[in-house]
Amino acid sequence: VGRWLAKRWRVPLVYTLHLTGIPVGGASGWMSDWGDI
């Protein structure tokens, strides 16, 4: 949702990774947006 709004408003997106070890393969990886930073 943040990415869609960031593009619409032309503002940056920061993502905080609060926990490691989360799934990143397959659909999980495809649906991951790690922010601009």
Full PDB file with SEQRES, HELIX, SHEET, SSBOND, CRYST1, ORIGX, SCALE, CONECT and MASTER records, all heavy atoms in Angstrom:
SEQRES   1 A   37  VAL GLY ARG TRP LEU ALA LYS ARG TRP ARG VAL PRO LEU          
SEQRES   2 A   37  VAL TYR THR LEU HIS LEU THR GLY ILE PRO VAL GLY GLY          
SEQRES   3 A   37  ALA SER GLY TRP MET SER ASP TRP GLY ASP ILE                  
HELIX    1 AA1 GLY A    2  TRP A    9  1                                   8    
HELIX    2 AA2 GLY A   26  TRP A   30  1                                   5    
CRYST1    1.000    1.000    1.000  90.00  90.00  90.00 P 1           1          
ORIGX1      1.000000  0.000000  0.000000        0.00000                         
ORIGX2      0.000000  1.000000  0.000000        0.00000                         
ORIGX3      0.000000  0.000000  1.000000        0.00000                         
SCALE1      1.000000  0.000000  0.000000        0.00000                         
SCALE2      0.000000  1.000000  0.000000        0.00000                         
SCALE3      0.000000  0.000000  1.000000        0.00000                         
ATOM      1  N   VAL A   1       0.845  -1.199   0.000  1.00  0.00           N  
ATOM      2  CA  VAL A   1       0.000   0.000   0.000  1.00  0.00           C  
ATOM      3  C   VAL A   1       0.879   1.247   0.000  1.00  0.00           C  
ATOM      4  O   VAL A   1       0.609   2.226  -0.704  1.00  0.00           O  
ATOM      5  CB  VAL A   1      -0.938  -0.006   1.220  1.00  0.00           C  
ATOM      6  CG1 VAL A   1      -1.748   1.289   1.298  1.00  0.00           C  
ATOM      7  CG2 VAL A   1      -1.874  -1.214   1.158  1.00  0.00           C  
ATOM      8  N   GLY A   2       1.940   1.206   0.796  1.00  0.00           N  
ATOM      9  CA  GLY A   2       2.856   2.337   0.848  1.00  0.00           C  
ATOM     10  C   GLY A   2       3.468   2.661  -0.496  1.00  0.00           C  
ATOM     11  O   GLY A   2       3.609   3.834  -0.862  1.00  0.00           O  
ATOM     12  N   ARG A   3       3.809   1.648  -1.268  1.00  0.00           N  
ATOM     13  CA  ARG A   3       4.413   1.894  -2.587  1.00  0.00           C  
ATOM     14  C   ARG A   3       3.423   2.565  -3.525  1.00  0.00           C  
ATOM     15  O   ARG A   3       3.766   3.489  -4.258  1.00  0.00           O  
ATOM     16  CB  ARG A   3       4.916   0.580  -3.188  1.00  0.00           C  
ATOM     17  CG  ARG A   3       5.510   0.720  -4.580  1.00  0.00           C  
ATOM     18  CD  ARG A   3       6.659   1.715  -4.598  1.00  0.00           C  
ATOM     19  NE  ARG A   3       7.818   1.197  -3.890  1.00  0.00           N  
ATOM     20  CZ  ARG A   3       8.860   1.950  -3.554  1.00  0.00           C  
ATOM     21  NH1 ARG A   3       8.868   3.253  -3.850  1.00  0.00           N  
ATOM     22  NH2 ARG A   3       9.872   1.420  -2.896  1.00  0.00           N  
ATOM     23  N   TRP A   4       2.169   2.095  -3.493  1.00  0.00           N  
ATOM     24  CA  TRP A   4       1.158   2.699  -4.360  1.00  0.00           C  
ATOM     25  C   TRP A   4       0.964   4.170  -3.998  1.00  0.00           C  
ATOM     26  O   TRP A   4       0.913   5.040  -4.872  1.00  0.00           O  
ATOM     27  CB  TRP A   4      -0.158   1.928  -4.214  1.00  0.00           C  
ATOM     28  CG  TRP A   4      -1.199   2.344  -5.201  1.00  0.00           C  
ATOM     29  CD1 TRP A   4      -1.402   1.837  -6.454  1.00  0.00           C  
ATOM     30  CD2 TRP A   4      -2.195   3.361  -5.019  1.00  0.00           C  
ATOM     31  NE1 TRP A   4      -2.450   2.476  -7.066  1.00  0.00           N  
ATOM     32  CE2 TRP A   4      -2.960   3.420  -6.212  1.00  0.00           C  
ATOM     33  CE3 TRP A   4      -2.513   4.226  -3.977  1.00  0.00           C  
ATOM     34  CZ2 TRP A   4      -4.018   4.300  -6.375  1.00  0.00           C  
ATOM     35  CZ3 TRP A   4      -3.562   5.111  -4.138  1.00  0.00           C  
ATOM     36  CH2 TRP A   4      -4.302   5.144  -5.328  1.00  0.00           C  
ATOM     37  N   LEU A   5       0.875   4.461  -2.707  1.00  0.00           N  
ATOM     38  CA  LEU A   5       0.693   5.849  -2.278  1.00  0.00           C  
ATOM     39  C   LEU A   5       1.938   6.682  -2.563  1.00  0.00           C  
ATOM     40  O   LEU A   5       1.839   7.857  -2.943  1.00  0.00           O  
ATOM     41  CB  LEU A   5       0.372   5.885  -0.778  1.00  0.00           C  
ATOM     42  CG  LEU A   5      -0.963   5.253  -0.366  1.00  0.00           C  
ATOM     43  CD1 LEU A   5      -1.069   5.189   1.159  1.00  0.00           C  
ATOM     44  CD2 LEU A   5      -2.143   6.019  -0.953  1.00  0.00           C  
ATOM     45  N   ALA A   6       3.113   6.084  -2.379  1.00  0.00           N  
ATOM     46  CA  ALA A   6       4.359   6.816  -2.645  1.00  0.00           C  
ATOM     47  C   ALA A   6       4.453   7.236  -4.111  1.00  0.00           C  
ATOM     48  O   ALA A   6       4.869   8.361  -4.433  1.00  0.00           O  
ATOM     49  CB  ALA A   6       5.560   5.954  -2.251  1.00  0.00           C  
ATOM     50  N   LYS A   7       4.060   6.346  -5.006  1.00  0.00           N  
ATOM     51  CA  LYS A   7       4.078   6.693  -6.431  1.00  0.00           C  
ATOM     52  C   LYS A   7       3.041   7.766  -6.743  1.00  0.00           C  
ATOM     53  O   LYS A   7       3.308   8.700  -7.505  1.00  0.00           O  
ATOM     54  CB  LYS A   7       3.816   5.445  -7.272  1.00  0.00           C  
ATOM     55  CG  LYS A   7       4.980   4.467  -7.312  1.00  0.00           C  
ATOM     56  CD  LYS A   7       4.650   3.262  -8.184  1.00  0.00           C  
ATOM     57  CE  LYS A   7       5.830   2.316  -8.287  1.00  0.00           C  
ATOM     58  NZ  LYS A   7       5.523   1.119  -9.112  1.00  0.00           N  
ATOM     59  N   ARG A   8       1.868   7.624  -6.147  1.00  0.00           N  
ATOM     60  CA  ARG A   8       0.795   8.587  -6.395  1.00  0.00           C  
ATOM     61  C   ARG A   8       1.181   9.984  -5.916  1.00  0.00           C  
ATOM     62  O   ARG A   8       0.898  10.988  -6.582  1.00  0.00           O  
ATOM     63  CB  ARG A   8      -0.470   8.108  -5.686  1.00  0.00           C  
ATOM     64  CG  ARG A   8      -1.685   9.040  -5.814  1.00  0.00           C  
ATOM     65  CD  ARG A   8      -2.875   8.391  -5.129  1.00  0.00           C  
ATOM     66  NE  ARG A   8      -4.032   9.254  -5.058  1.00  0.00           N  
ATOM     67  CZ  ARG A   8      -4.902   9.428  -6.054  1.00  0.00           C  
ATOM     68  NH1 ARG A   8      -4.730   8.799  -7.202  1.00  0.00           N  
ATOM     69  NH2 ARG A   8      -5.944  10.227  -5.891  1.00  0.00           N  
ATOM     70  N   TRP A   9       1.818  10.038  -4.747  1.00  0.00           N  
ATOM     71  CA  TRP A   9       2.161  11.329  -4.165  1.00  0.00           C  
ATOM     72  C   TRP A   9       3.584  11.777  -4.484  1.00  0.00           C  
ATOM     73  O   TRP A   9       3.978  12.886  -4.125  1.00  0.00           O  
ATOM     74  CB  TRP A   9       2.004  11.263  -2.645  1.00  0.00           C  
ATOM     75  CG  TRP A   9       0.616  10.971  -2.181  1.00  0.00           C  
ATOM     76  CD1 TRP A   9      -0.561  11.251  -2.821  1.00  0.00           C  
ATOM     77  CD2 TRP A   9       0.253  10.319  -0.956  1.00  0.00           C  
ATOM     78  NE1 TRP A   9      -1.633  10.825  -2.083  1.00  0.00           N  
ATOM     79  CE2 TRP A   9      -1.170  10.250  -0.923  1.00  0.00           C  
ATOM     80  CE3 TRP A   9       0.964   9.794   0.122  1.00  0.00           C  
ATOM     81  CZ2 TRP A   9      -1.873   9.687   0.136  1.00  0.00           C  
ATOM     82  CZ3 TRP A   9       0.270   9.238   1.179  1.00  0.00           C  
ATOM     83  CH2 TRP A   9      -1.137   9.180   1.187  1.00  0.00           C  
ATOM     84  N   ARG A  10       4.375  10.892  -5.099  1.00  0.00           N  
ATOM     85  CA  ARG A  10       5.780  11.181  -5.411  1.00  0.00           C  
ATOM     86  C   ARG A  10       6.581  11.533  -4.156  1.00  0.00           C  
ATOM     87  O   ARG A  10       7.260  12.561  -4.076  1.00  0.00           O  
ATOM     88  CB  ARG A  10       5.881  12.300  -6.448  1.00  0.00           C  
ATOM     89  CG  ARG A  10       5.258  11.921  -7.788  1.00  0.00           C  
ATOM     90  CD  ARG A  10       5.440  12.993  -8.826  1.00  0.00           C  
ATOM     91  NE  ARG A  10       4.818  12.598 -10.081  1.00  0.00           N  
ATOM     92  CZ  ARG A  10       4.809  13.354 -11.181  1.00  0.00           C  
ATOM     93  NH1 ARG A  10       5.401  14.542 -11.176  1.00  0.00           N  
ATOM     94  NH2 ARG A  10       4.229  12.909 -12.272  1.00  0.00           N  
ATOM     95  N   VAL A  11       6.454  10.650  -3.183  1.00  0.00           N  
ATOM     96  CA  VAL A  11       7.214  10.783  -1.935  1.00  0.00           C  
ATOM     97  C   VAL A  11       7.971   9.485  -1.700  1.00  0.00           C  
ATOM     98  O   VAL A  11       7.623   8.441  -2.260  1.00  0.00           O  
ATOM     99  CB  VAL A  11       6.286  11.094  -0.738  1.00  0.00           C  
ATOM    100  CG1 VAL A  11       5.560  12.414  -0.944  1.00  0.00           C  
ATOM    101  CG2 VAL A  11       5.298   9.953  -0.475  1.00  0.00           C  
ATOM    102  N   PRO A  12       9.019   9.499  -0.868  1.00  0.00           N  
ATOM    103  CA  PRO A  12       9.813   8.285  -0.642  1.00  0.00           C  
ATOM    104  C   PRO A  12       9.143   7.339   0.355  1.00  0.00           C  
ATOM    105  O   PRO A  12       8.314   7.743   1.173  1.00  0.00           O  
ATOM    106  CB  PRO A  12      11.129   8.822  -0.080  1.00  0.00           C  
ATOM    107  CG  PRO A  12      10.750  10.108   0.579  1.00  0.00           C  
ATOM    108  CD  PRO A  12       9.639  10.693  -0.258  1.00  0.00           C  
ATOM    109  N   LEU A  13       9.543   6.073   0.245  1.00  0.00           N  
ATOM    110  CA  LEU A  13       9.052   5.022   1.136  1.00  0.00           C  
ATOM    111  C   LEU A  13      10.230   4.431   1.903  1.00  0.00           C  
ATOM    112  O   LEU A  13      11.193   3.937   1.310  1.00  0.00           O  
ATOM    113  CB  LEU A  13       8.364   3.929   0.318  1.00  0.00           C  
ATOM    114  CG  LEU A  13       7.907   2.669   1.077  1.00  0.00           C  
ATOM    115  CD1 LEU A  13       6.830   3.010   2.100  1.00  0.00           C  
ATOM    116  CD2 LEU A  13       7.401   1.603   0.090  1.00  0.00           C  
ATOM    117  N   VAL A  14      10.155   4.487   3.227  1.00  0.00           N  
ATOM    118  CA  VAL A  14      11.124   3.852   4.125  1.00  0.00           C  
ATOM    119  C   VAL A  14      10.463   2.614   4.717  1.00  0.00           C  
ATOM    120  O   VAL A  14       9.295   2.655   5.116  1.00  0.00           O  
ATOM    121  CB  VAL A  14      11.547   4.813   5.249  1.00  0.00           C  
ATOM    122  CG1 VAL A  14      12.463   4.111   6.254  1.00  0.00           C  
ATOM    123  CG2 VAL A  14      12.241   6.048   4.672  1.00  0.00           C  
ATOM    124  N   TYR A  15      11.185   1.510   4.761  1.00  0.00           N  
ATOM    125  CA  TYR A  15      10.666   0.277   5.361  1.00  0.00           C  
ATOM    126  C   TYR A  15      11.582  -0.119   6.510  1.00  0.00           C  
ATOM    127  O   TYR A  15      12.810  -0.104   6.368  1.00  0.00           O  
ATOM    128  CB  TYR A  15      10.629  -0.851   4.323  1.00  0.00           C  
ATOM    129  CG  TYR A  15      10.318  -2.216   4.900  1.00  0.00           C  
ATOM    130  CD1 TYR A  15       9.034  -2.537   5.307  1.00  0.00           C  
ATOM    131  CD2 TYR A  15      11.316  -3.178   5.040  1.00  0.00           C  
ATOM    132  CE1 TYR A  15       8.745  -3.788   5.843  1.00  0.00           C  
ATOM    133  CE2 TYR A  15      11.040  -4.429   5.562  1.00  0.00           C  
ATOM    134  CZ  TYR A  15       9.751  -4.730   5.973  1.00  0.00           C  
ATOM    135  OH  TYR A  15       9.473  -5.967   6.507  1.00  0.00           O  
ATOM    136  N   THR A  16      11.009  -0.443   7.661  1.00  0.00           N  
ATOM    137  CA  THR A  16      11.795  -0.964   8.781  1.00  0.00           C  
ATOM    138  C   THR A  16      11.634  -2.478   8.866  1.00  0.00           C  
ATOM    139  O   THR A  16      10.507  -2.978   8.967  1.00  0.00           O  
ATOM    140  CB  THR A  16      11.378  -0.323  10.115  1.00  0.00           C  
ATOM    141  OG1 THR A  16      11.777   1.054  10.121  1.00  0.00           O  
ATOM    142  CG2 THR A  16      12.064  -1.014  11.289  1.00  0.00           C  
ATOM    143  N   LEU A  17      12.750  -3.179   8.831  1.00  0.00           N  
ATOM    144  CA  LEU A  17      12.754  -4.632   9.021  1.00  0.00           C  
ATOM    145  C   LEU A  17      12.847  -4.898  10.521  1.00  0.00           C  
ATOM    146  O   LEU A  17      13.914  -4.767  11.118  1.00  0.00           O  
ATOM    147  CB  LEU A  17      13.941  -5.256   8.283  1.00  0.00           C  
ATOM    148  CG  LEU A  17      14.100  -6.767   8.462  1.00  0.00           C  
ATOM    149  CD1 LEU A  17      12.947  -7.521   7.812  1.00  0.00           C  
ATOM    150  CD2 LEU A  17      15.439  -7.238   7.884  1.00  0.00           C  
ATOM    151  N   HIS A  18      11.733  -5.243  11.127  1.00  0.00           N  
ATOM    152  CA  HIS A  18      11.698  -5.462  12.575  1.00  0.00           C  
ATOM    153  C   HIS A  18      12.092  -6.879  12.962  1.00  0.00           C  
ATOM    154  O   HIS A  18      12.431  -7.123  14.121  1.00  0.00           O  
ATOM    155  CB  HIS A  18      10.303  -5.158  13.111  1.00  0.00           C  
ATOM    156  CG  HIS A  18       9.949  -3.702  13.094  1.00  0.00           C  
ATOM    157  ND1 HIS A  18      10.369  -2.817  14.061  1.00  0.00           N  
ATOM    158  CD2 HIS A  18       9.230  -2.966  12.199  1.00  0.00           C  
ATOM    159  CE1 HIS A  18       9.909  -1.614  13.793  1.00  0.00           C  
ATOM    160  NE2 HIS A  18       9.217  -1.665  12.672  1.00  0.00           N  
ATOM    161  N   LEU A  19      12.033  -7.825  12.024  1.00  0.00           N  
ATOM    162  CA  LEU A  19      12.323  -9.217  12.370  1.00  0.00           C  
ATOM    163  C   LEU A  19      12.926  -9.922  11.160  1.00  0.00           C  
ATOM    164  O   LEU A  19      12.367  -9.846  10.054  1.00  0.00           O  
ATOM    165  CB  LEU A  19      11.041  -9.923  12.802  1.00  0.00           C  
ATOM    166  CG  LEU A  19      11.185 -11.237  13.575  1.00  0.00           C  
ATOM    167  CD1 LEU A  19      11.871 -10.997  14.922  1.00  0.00           C  
ATOM    168  CD2 LEU A  19       9.821 -11.873  13.791  1.00  0.00           C  
ATOM    169  N   THR A  20      14.042 -10.589  11.363  1.00  0.00           N  
ATOM    170  CA  THR A  20      14.667 -11.351  10.286  1.00  0.00           C  
ATOM    171  C   THR A  20      14.080 -12.761  10.241  1.00  0.00           C  
ATOM    172  O   THR A  20      13.294 -13.156  11.086  1.00  0.00           O  
ATOM    173  CB  THR A  20      16.184 -11.436  10.499  1.00  0.00           C  
ATOM    174  OG1 THR A  20      16.439 -12.050  11.763  1.00  0.00           O  
ATOM    175  CG2 THR A  20      16.812 -10.057  10.469  1.00  0.00           C  
ATOM    176  N   GLY A  21      14.502 -13.519   9.233  1.00  0.00           N  
ATOM    177  CA  GLY A  21      14.055 -14.898   9.118  1.00  0.00           C  
ATOM    178  C   GLY A  21      12.692 -15.055   8.489  1.00  0.00           C  
ATOM    179  O   GLY A  21      12.146 -16.159   8.431  1.00  0.00           O  
ATOM    180  N   ILE A  22      12.108 -13.966   8.002  1.00  0.00           N  
ATOM    181  CA  ILE A  22      10.801 -14.040   7.356  1.00  0.00           C  
ATOM    182  C   ILE A  22      10.960 -14.648   5.962  1.00  0.00           C  
ATOM    183  O   ILE A  22      12.022 -14.561   5.349  1.00  0.00           O  
ATOM    184  CB  ILE A  22      10.145 -12.643   7.281  1.00  0.00           C  
ATOM    185  CG1 ILE A  22      11.082 -11.653   6.579  1.00  0.00           C  
ATOM    186  CG2 ILE A  22       9.790 -12.151   8.668  1.00  0.00           C  
ATOM    187  CD1 ILE A  22      10.518 -10.253   6.452  1.00  0.00           C  
ATOM    188  N   PRO A  23       9.917 -15.299   5.421  1.00  0.00           N  
ATOM    189  CA  PRO A  23      10.033 -15.933   4.099  1.00  0.00           C  
ATOM    190  C   PRO A  23      10.327 -14.903   3.008  1.00  0.00           C  
ATOM    191  O   PRO A  23       9.729 -13.822   2.981  1.00  0.00           O  
ATOM    192  CB  PRO A  23       8.656 -16.563   3.884  1.00  0.00           C  
ATOM    193  CG  PRO A  23       8.059 -16.667   5.237  1.00  0.00           C  
ATOM    194  CD  PRO A  23       8.590 -15.526   6.026  1.00  0.00           C  
ATOM    195  N   VAL A  24      11.232 -15.245   2.115  1.00  0.00           N  
ATOM    196  CA  VAL A  24      11.559 -14.332   1.016  1.00  0.00           C  
ATOM    197  C   VAL A  24      11.535 -15.039  -0.345  1.00  0.00           C  
ATOM    198  O   VAL A  24      11.774 -14.411  -1.375  1.00  0.00           O  
ATOM    199  CB  VAL A  24      12.939 -13.670   1.220  1.00  0.00           C  
ATOM    200  CG1 VAL A  24      12.911 -12.742   2.423  1.00  0.00           C  
ATOM    201  CG2 VAL A  24      14.046 -14.714   1.364  1.00  0.00           C  
ATOM    202  N   GLY A  25      11.235 -16.331  -0.350  1.00  0.00           N  
ATOM    203  CA  GLY A  25      11.197 -17.067  -1.608  1.00  0.00           C  
ATOM    204  C   GLY A  25       9.812 -17.073  -2.220  1.00  0.00           C  
ATOM    205  O   GLY A  25       8.811 -16.804  -1.573  1.00  0.00           O  
ATOM    206  N   GLY A  26       9.750 -17.385  -3.497  1.00  0.00           N  
ATOM    207  CA  GLY A  26       8.480 -17.546  -4.193  1.00  0.00           C  
ATOM    208  C   GLY A  26       7.613 -16.312  -4.125  1.00  0.00           C  
ATOM    209  O   GLY A  26       8.080 -15.179  -4.319  1.00  0.00           O  
ATOM    210  N   ALA A  27       6.323 -16.524  -3.822  1.00  0.00           N  
ATOM    211  CA  ALA A  27       5.366 -15.419  -3.789  1.00  0.00           C  
ATOM    212  C   ALA A  27       5.730 -14.404  -2.713  1.00  0.00           C  
ATOM    213  O   ALA A  27       5.500 -13.194  -2.885  1.00  0.00           O  
ATOM    214  CB  ALA A  27       3.961 -15.954  -3.557  1.00  0.00           C  
ATOM    215  N   SER A  28       6.307 -14.868  -1.601  1.00  0.00           N  
ATOM    216  CA  SER A  28       6.685 -13.940  -0.533  1.00  0.00           C  
ATOM    217  C   SER A  28       7.718 -12.934  -1.018  1.00  0.00           C  
ATOM    218  O   SER A  28       7.635 -11.741  -0.722  1.00  0.00           O  
ATOM    219  CB  SER A  28       7.248 -14.709   0.670  1.00  0.00           C  
ATOM    220  OG  SER A  28       6.263 -15.533   1.243  1.00  0.00           O  
ATOM    221  N   GLY A  29       8.685 -13.420  -1.774  1.00  0.00           N  
ATOM    222  CA  GLY A  29       9.692 -12.514  -2.311  1.00  0.00           C  
ATOM    223  C   GLY A  29       9.126 -11.578  -3.348  1.00  0.00           C  
ATOM    224  O   GLY A  29       9.447 -10.384  -3.375  1.00  0.00           O  
ATOM    225  N   TRP A  30       8.258 -12.113  -4.196  1.00  0.00           N  
ATOM    226  CA  TRP A  30       7.673 -11.298  -5.259  1.00  0.00           C  
ATOM    227  C   TRP A  30       6.818 -10.172  -4.689  1.00  0.00           C  
ATOM    228  O   TRP A  30       6.757  -9.076  -5.245  1.00  0.00           O  
ATOM    229  CB  TRP A  30       6.832 -12.187  -6.170  1.00  0.00           C  
ATOM    230  CG  TRP A  30       6.168 -11.451  -7.280  1.00  0.00           C  
ATOM    231  CD1 TRP A  30       6.762 -10.944  -8.402  1.00  0.00           C  
ATOM    232  CD2 TRP A  30       4.776 -11.141  -7.392  1.00  0.00           C  
ATOM    233  NE1 TRP A  30       5.828 -10.326  -9.211  1.00  0.00           N  
ATOM    234  CE2 TRP A  30       4.601 -10.443  -8.610  1.00  0.00           C  
ATOM    235  CE3 TRP A  30       3.667 -11.392  -6.574  1.00  0.00           C  
ATOM    236  CZ2 TRP A  30       3.358  -9.986  -9.018  1.00  0.00           C  
ATOM    237  CZ3 TRP A  30       2.431 -10.932  -6.986  1.00  0.00           C  
ATOM    238  CH2 TRP A  30       2.283 -10.243  -8.201  1.00  0.00           C  
ATOM    239  N   MET A  31       6.155 -10.431  -3.546  1.00  0.00           N  
ATOM    240  CA  MET A  31       5.273  -9.437  -2.947  1.00  0.00           C  
ATOM    241  C   MET A  31       5.978  -8.582  -1.903  1.00  0.00           C  
ATOM    242  O   MET A  31       5.334  -7.834  -1.163  1.00  0.00           O  
ATOM    243  CB  MET A  31       4.060 -10.123  -2.315  1.00  0.00           C  
ATOM    244  CG  MET A  31       3.159 -10.801  -3.318  1.00  0.00           C  
ATOM    245  SD  MET A  31       1.668 -11.482  -2.565  1.00  0.00           S  
ATOM    246  CE  MET A  31       0.813  -9.969  -2.087  1.00  0.00           C  
ATOM    247  N   SER A  32       7.287  -8.662  -1.820  1.00  0.00           N  
ATOM    248  CA  SER A  32       8.034  -7.871  -0.834  1.00  0.00           C  
ATOM    249  C   SER A  32       8.480  -6.557  -1.446  1.00  0.00           C  
ATOM    250  O   SER A  32       9.006  -6.522  -2.552  1.00  0.00           O  
ATOM    251  CB  SER A  32       9.270  -8.637  -0.345  1.00  0.00           C  
ATOM    252  OG  SER A  32       8.901  -9.798   0.351  1.00  0.00           O  
ATOM    253  N   ASP A  33       8.238  -5.491  -0.740  1.00  0.00           N  
ATOM    254  CA  ASP A  33       8.758  -4.175  -1.119  1.00  0.00           C  
ATOM    255  C   ASP A  33       9.571  -3.668   0.058  1.00  0.00           C  
ATOM    256  O   ASP A  33       9.034  -3.422   1.140  1.00  0.00           O  
ATOM    257  CB  ASP A  33       7.613  -3.210  -1.445  1.00  0.00           C  
ATOM    258  CG  ASP A  33       8.108  -1.927  -2.096  1.00  0.00           C  
ATOM    259  OD1 ASP A  33       9.076  -1.332  -1.573  1.00  0.00           O  
ATOM    260  OD2 ASP A  33       7.539  -1.517  -3.117  1.00  0.00           O  
ATOM    261  N   TRP A  34      10.860  -3.518  -0.140  1.00  0.00           N  
ATOM    262  CA  TRP A  34      11.770  -3.155   0.944  1.00  0.00           C  
ATOM    263  C   TRP A  34      11.952  -1.649   1.057  1.00  0.00           C  
ATOM    264  O   TRP A  34      12.814  -1.185   1.811  1.00  0.00           O  
ATOM    265  CB  TRP A  34      13.124  -3.844   0.737  1.00  0.00           C  
ATOM    266  CG  TRP A  34      13.007  -5.320   0.577  1.00  0.00           C  
ATOM    267  CD1 TRP A  34      13.006  -6.022  -0.607  1.00  0.00           C  
ATOM    268  CD2 TRP A  34      12.822  -6.300   1.615  1.00  0.00           C  
ATOM    269  NE1 TRP A  34      12.855  -7.366  -0.368  1.00  0.00           N  
ATOM    270  CE2 TRP A  34      12.730  -7.565   0.983  1.00  0.00           C  
ATOM    271  CE3 TRP A  34      12.733  -6.234   2.995  1.00  0.00           C  
ATOM    272  CZ2 TRP A  34      12.559  -8.749   1.705  1.00  0.00           C  
ATOM    273  CZ3 TRP A  34      12.556  -7.403   3.720  1.00  0.00           C  
ATOM    274  CH2 TRP A  34      12.469  -8.644   3.074  1.00  0.00           C  
ATOM    275  N   GLY A  35      11.125  -0.900   0.358  1.00  0.00           N  
ATOM    276  CA  GLY A  35      11.215   0.551   0.423  1.00  0.00           C  
ATOM    277  C   GLY A  35      12.351   1.093  -0.424  1.00  0.00           C  
ATOM    278  O   GLY A  35      13.159   0.353  -0.988  1.00  0.00           O  
ATOM    279  N   ASP A  36      12.422   2.400  -0.505  1.00  0.00           N  
ATOM    280  CA  ASP A  36      13.561   3.038  -1.169  1.00  0.00           C  
ATOM    281  C   ASP A  36      14.809   2.895  -0.304  1.00  0.00           C  
ATOM    282  O   ASP A  36      15.926   2.811  -0.810  1.00  0.00           O  
ATOM    283  CB  ASP A  36      13.251   4.519  -1.424  1.00  0.00           C  
ATOM    284  CG  ASP A  36      12.014   4.694  -2.284  1.00  0.00           C  
ATOM    285  OD1 ASP A  36      11.961   4.094  -3.373  1.00  0.00           O  
ATOM    286  OD2 ASP A  36      11.088   5.414  -1.856  1.00  0.00           O  
ATOM    287  N   ILE A  37      14.584   2.894   0.997  1.00  0.00           N  
ATOM    288  CA  ILE A  37      15.631   2.605   1.979  1.00  0.00           C  
ATOM    289  C   ILE A  37      15.029   1.653   3.001  1.00  0.00           C  
ATOM    290  O   ILE A  37      13.894   1.835   3.446  1.00  0.00           O  
ATOM    291  CB  ILE A  37      16.110   3.890   2.697  1.00  0.00           C  
ATOM    292  CG1 ILE A  37      16.918   4.774   1.751  1.00  0.00           C  
ATOM    293  CG2 ILE A  37      16.948   3.553   3.931  1.00  0.00           C  
ATOM    294  CD1 ILE A  37      18.302   4.243   1.405  1.00  0.00           C  
TER     295      ILE A  37                                                      
MASTER        0    0    0    2    0    0    0    6  294    1    0    3          
END                                                                             
